[in-house]
Amino acid sequence: MTSPVEATLAYAEQFHQEDEILHAARQRALEVGATPILPGGGAALCFLATAVNAKSVVEIGTGCGVSGLWLLRGMRTDGTLTSVDVEPEHQRLARLAFAEAGFSGGRVRLISGRALDVLPRLSDGGYDMVFADGAKQEYADYLAEAVRLLRVGGIVAFDNMLWHNRVADPAQRDSDTVALREVTKLVQSDDRLRSVLMPLGDGLLAAIKVSR
C-alpha cells in the first residue's frame, strides 16, 4: 500500500510532463543504458536556469540529451551549453535530441572526455550554472571545480542526491552512497554557498555561490 509520503512525492513528480521530444530522448537513453534525470529533476534544472538568466552552463554527463534539453529550455536564447561526457555514442544521441528540439549546433558545445580532465581547462568565474550527473565518487571534485567556474550568483546542481533512497539510510555504506553524503556535507559547510536539497526525481541538490 502506498504511504501518504510516497503518494505526495509521486504527485509532485507527475506534475512535470514531458513532451514528445523529451520522451523520445528518454527512450533512446534507456535503450543504451544511460539513465536520464527524471522529469521532476529536469523541470527543476529548467527553473534554476531561468531564475539565473543563464547564458553559459556546464553539464557534467551529457547522457543522451534529456538534462541538456531541460537546461537549454531554461537558458537565454543566446546561451551556450557546454556538455562533457566520456561516451561518444551518448553524445551523438544527445546531438540528435537537440536538433529535434530546434537548438542549433551553436547552442551546444559537446566535449568528449573525462570531466576532471576537461573542467580545469574552463574559465574561472565564466559560468552561470554547473550541473553534475557523472561518476558519483567524483562529485566532491566536481564541486571544487564548479565553485571555481561559477560567477557569484551562479548555481551548482547535483542529480541523484537521494540515490534510490539509499542516502537517507545510514545502514547503506557502499562507496557511491558514502560519496553522495560527503558532497552534501561539503556543500553545507561551505560559507560561499547557500543550498537546498529537493526530493524531486532521485534528489537534486542545488547551491548558489554567494561569495568568492
Protein backbone atom coordinates (compact mmCIF):
# COMPACT_ATOMS: atom_id res chain seq x y z
CA MET A 1 0.00 0.00 0.00
CA THR A 2 1.34 3.45 -0.94
CA SER A 3 2.09 5.67 2.04
CA PRO A 4 0.91 9.32 2.15
CA VAL A 5 4.52 10.49 1.73
CA GLU A 6 5.05 8.27 -1.32
CA ALA A 7 1.76 9.47 -2.81
CA THR A 8 2.74 13.10 -2.28
CA LEU A 9 6.17 12.63 -3.87
CA ALA A 10 4.61 10.80 -6.82
CA TYR A 11 2.09 13.63 -7.25
CA ALA A 12 4.90 16.19 -7.31
CA GLU A 13 6.85 14.13 -9.86
CA GLN A 14 3.84 13.64 -12.13
CA PHE A 15 3.20 17.39 -12.11
CA HIS A 16 6.03 17.69 -14.64
CA GLN A 17 5.01 16.26 -18.00
CA GLU A 18 7.46 15.65 -20.86
CA ASP A 19 6.67 16.39 -24.49
CA GLU A 20 7.35 14.05 -27.42
CA ILE A 21 10.92 15.29 -27.92
CA LEU A 22 11.90 14.71 -24.30
CA HIS A 23 10.10 11.36 -24.27
CA ALA A 24 11.97 10.21 -27.39
CA ALA A 25 15.31 11.31 -25.91
CA ARG A 26 14.49 9.44 -22.70
CA GLN A 27 13.63 6.25 -24.58
CA ARG A 28 16.89 6.37 -26.55
CA ALA A 29 18.83 6.88 -23.32
CA LEU A 30 17.19 3.90 -21.65
CA GLU A 31 17.89 1.73 -24.69
CA VAL A 32 21.64 2.36 -24.44
CA GLY A 33 21.77 2.14 -20.64
CA ALA A 34 22.15 5.86 -19.90
CA THR A 35 19.71 6.57 -17.06
CA PRO A 36 18.43 10.13 -17.59
CA ILE A 37 17.31 12.63 -14.99
CA LEU A 38 13.66 12.18 -14.03
CA PRO A 39 11.09 14.79 -15.10
CA GLY A 40 10.86 16.47 -11.69
CA GLY A 41 14.62 16.99 -11.54
CA GLY A 42 14.68 18.14 -15.15
CA ALA A 43 11.96 20.70 -14.53
CA ALA A 44 13.94 21.99 -11.54
CA LEU A 45 17.00 22.44 -13.77
CA CYS A 46 14.91 24.41 -16.26
CA PHE A 47 13.54 26.55 -13.43
CA LEU A 48 17.00 27.24 -11.99
CA ALA A 49 18.49 28.10 -15.39
CA THR A 50 15.63 30.53 -15.95
CA ALA A 51 15.98 32.03 -12.46
CA VAL A 52 19.64 32.97 -13.01
CA ASN A 53 19.06 34.03 -16.65
CA ALA A 54 21.74 31.51 -17.59
CA LYS A 55 23.83 32.22 -20.67
CA SER A 56 26.77 29.86 -20.02
CA VAL A 57 26.13 26.44 -18.48
CA VAL A 58 28.41 23.45 -17.92
CA GLU A 59 26.92 19.96 -17.82
CA ILE A 60 28.94 17.04 -16.45
CA GLY A 61 27.43 13.94 -18.01
CA THR A 62 25.73 14.57 -21.35
CA GLY A 63 23.87 11.27 -21.30
CA CYS A 64 21.62 11.28 -24.35
CA GLY A 65 20.42 14.84 -24.02
CA VAL A 66 17.49 14.73 -21.59
CA SER A 67 19.01 17.01 -18.94
CA GLY A 68 20.53 19.16 -21.67
CA LEU A 69 17.10 19.75 -23.20
CA TRP A 70 15.71 20.87 -19.84
CA LEU A 71 18.68 23.20 -19.32
CA LEU A 72 18.52 24.71 -22.81
CA ARG A 73 14.81 25.39 -22.42
CA GLY A 74 15.55 27.42 -19.31
CA MET A 75 18.58 29.28 -20.65
CA ARG A 76 18.70 32.52 -22.59
CA THR A 77 18.13 32.17 -26.32
CA ASP A 78 21.72 33.28 -26.92
CA GLY A 79 23.09 30.89 -24.31
CA THR A 80 25.59 28.05 -24.79
CA LEU A 81 25.57 24.67 -23.06
CA THR A 82 28.99 23.05 -22.64
CA SER A 83 28.44 19.34 -22.01
CA VAL A 84 31.14 16.79 -21.14
CA ASP A 85 30.86 13.00 -21.40
CA VAL A 86 33.14 10.01 -21.93
CA GLU A 87 30.65 8.19 -24.20
CA PRO A 88 30.71 9.42 -27.83
CA GLU A 89 27.58 7.42 -28.70
CA HIS A 90 25.63 9.09 -25.90
CA GLN A 91 26.72 12.48 -27.21
CA ARG A 92 25.69 11.52 -30.75
CA LEU A 93 22.20 10.76 -29.47
CA ALA A 94 22.17 13.98 -27.48
CA ARG A 95 23.04 15.94 -30.61
CA LEU A 96 20.07 14.27 -32.32
CA ALA A 97 17.76 15.29 -29.46
CA PHE A 98 18.97 18.89 -29.55
CA ALA A 99 18.42 19.07 -33.31
CA GLU A 100 14.91 17.63 -32.96
CA ALA A 101 14.16 20.34 -30.39
CA GLY A 102 15.35 23.06 -32.78
CA PHE A 103 18.53 24.03 -30.94
CA SER A 104 21.25 24.95 -33.42
CA GLY A 105 24.73 23.50 -33.23
CA GLY A 106 25.98 26.83 -31.96
CA ARG A 107 23.91 26.50 -28.79
CA VAL A 108 25.71 23.34 -27.63
CA ARG A 109 29.40 22.55 -27.25
CA LEU A 110 29.90 18.81 -26.75
CA ILE A 111 33.29 17.77 -25.35
CA SER A 112 34.24 14.11 -25.29
CA GLY A 113 36.43 13.21 -22.34
CA ARG A 114 36.68 12.67 -18.61
CA ALA A 115 35.17 15.58 -16.70
CA LEU A 116 38.11 16.02 -14.34
CA ASP A 117 40.42 16.35 -17.35
CA VAL A 118 38.16 18.84 -19.14
CA LEU A 119 36.89 21.10 -16.32
CA PRO A 120 40.31 22.55 -15.36
CA ARG A 121 40.56 23.97 -18.90
CA LEU A 122 37.39 26.05 -18.49
CA SER A 123 37.49 29.69 -17.37
CA ASP A 124 37.28 30.80 -13.74
CA GLY A 125 34.05 32.61 -12.94
CA GLY A 126 32.82 32.27 -16.51
CA TYR A 127 29.62 30.29 -15.95
CA ASP A 128 26.13 30.88 -14.63
CA MET A 129 25.35 27.26 -13.79
CA VAL A 130 27.05 23.88 -13.44
CA PHE A 131 25.06 20.65 -13.44
CA ALA A 132 26.66 17.34 -12.43
CA ASP A 133 25.32 13.89 -13.26
CA GLY A 134 28.52 11.93 -13.67
CA ALA A 135 30.56 9.49 -11.56
CA LYS A 136 29.19 9.74 -8.03
CA GLN A 137 32.59 9.18 -6.40
CA GLU A 138 33.89 12.25 -8.26
CA TYR A 139 31.13 14.58 -7.02
CA ALA A 140 33.37 16.21 -4.41
CA ASP A 141 35.91 17.04 -7.14
CA TYR A 142 33.12 18.34 -9.39
CA LEU A 143 32.03 20.62 -6.53
CA ALA A 144 35.50 22.11 -6.19
CA GLU A 145 35.66 22.76 -9.93
CA ALA A 146 32.12 24.16 -10.02
CA VAL A 147 32.79 26.73 -7.29
CA ARG A 148 35.78 27.91 -9.31
CA LEU A 149 33.84 28.02 -12.58
CA LEU A 150 30.77 29.85 -11.26
CA ARG A 151 30.27 33.59 -11.08
CA VAL A 152 28.89 34.95 -7.83
CA GLY A 153 25.15 34.33 -8.06
CA GLY A 154 25.63 31.21 -10.16
CA ILE A 155 24.20 27.80 -9.26
CA VAL A 156 25.69 24.32 -8.98
CA ALA A 157 23.31 21.34 -9.02
CA PHE A 158 23.84 17.62 -8.48
CA ASP A 159 21.49 14.82 -9.54
CA ASN A 160 20.87 11.51 -7.72
CA MET A 161 21.43 13.01 -4.29
CA LEU A 162 18.90 10.64 -2.70
CA TRP A 163 20.34 7.73 -4.70
CA HIS A 164 17.32 5.43 -4.83
CA ASN A 165 16.53 6.09 -1.14
CA ARG A 166 19.97 4.88 -0.05
CA VAL A 167 21.47 8.20 1.15
CA ALA A 168 18.90 8.60 3.93
CA ASP A 169 19.52 5.06 5.22
CA PRO A 170 22.63 5.03 7.49
CA ALA A 171 22.93 1.27 7.00
CA GLN A 172 23.85 1.81 3.36
CA ARG A 173 27.63 2.14 3.17
CA ASP A 174 28.53 1.45 -0.46
CA SER A 175 31.11 3.80 -1.98
CA ASP A 176 28.69 5.79 -4.15
CA THR A 177 26.26 6.41 -1.28
CA VAL A 178 29.08 7.48 1.05
CA ALA A 179 30.42 9.85 -1.63
CA LEU A 180 27.00 11.47 -2.04
CA ARG A 181 26.68 12.01 1.71
CA GLU A 182 30.14 13.56 1.72
CA VAL A 183 29.37 16.09 -1.01
CA THR A 184 26.21 17.09 0.87
CA LYS A 185 28.34 17.83 3.94
CA LEU A 186 30.84 19.77 1.85
CA VAL A 187 28.10 21.95 0.38
CA GLN A 188 26.52 22.56 3.78
CA SER A 189 29.84 23.58 5.36
CA ASP A 190 30.98 25.92 2.56
CA ASP A 191 30.33 29.54 3.57
CA ARG A 192 30.41 30.56 -0.09
CA LEU A 193 27.27 28.54 -0.84
CA ARG A 194 23.56 28.60 0.07
CA SER A 195 21.95 25.25 -0.62
CA VAL A 196 18.69 23.33 -0.92
CA LEU A 197 18.03 19.58 -1.26
CA MET A 198 14.92 18.91 -3.33
CA PRO A 199 13.18 15.49 -3.22
CA LEU A 200 12.31 15.64 -6.93
CA GLY A 201 13.32 12.81 -9.22
CA ASP A 202 16.15 10.96 -7.49
CA GLY A 203 17.03 14.05 -5.45
CA LEU A 204 18.53 17.33 -6.66
CA LEU A 205 21.00 19.27 -4.51
CA ALA A 206 21.43 22.88 -5.62
CA ALA A 207 23.56 25.69 -4.20
CA ILE A 208 24.02 29.35 -5.07
CA LYS A 209 27.51 30.83 -4.92
CA VAL A 210 27.13 33.91 -2.75
CA SER A 211 30.78 34.96 -2.47
CA ARG A 212 34.19 34.23 -3.92
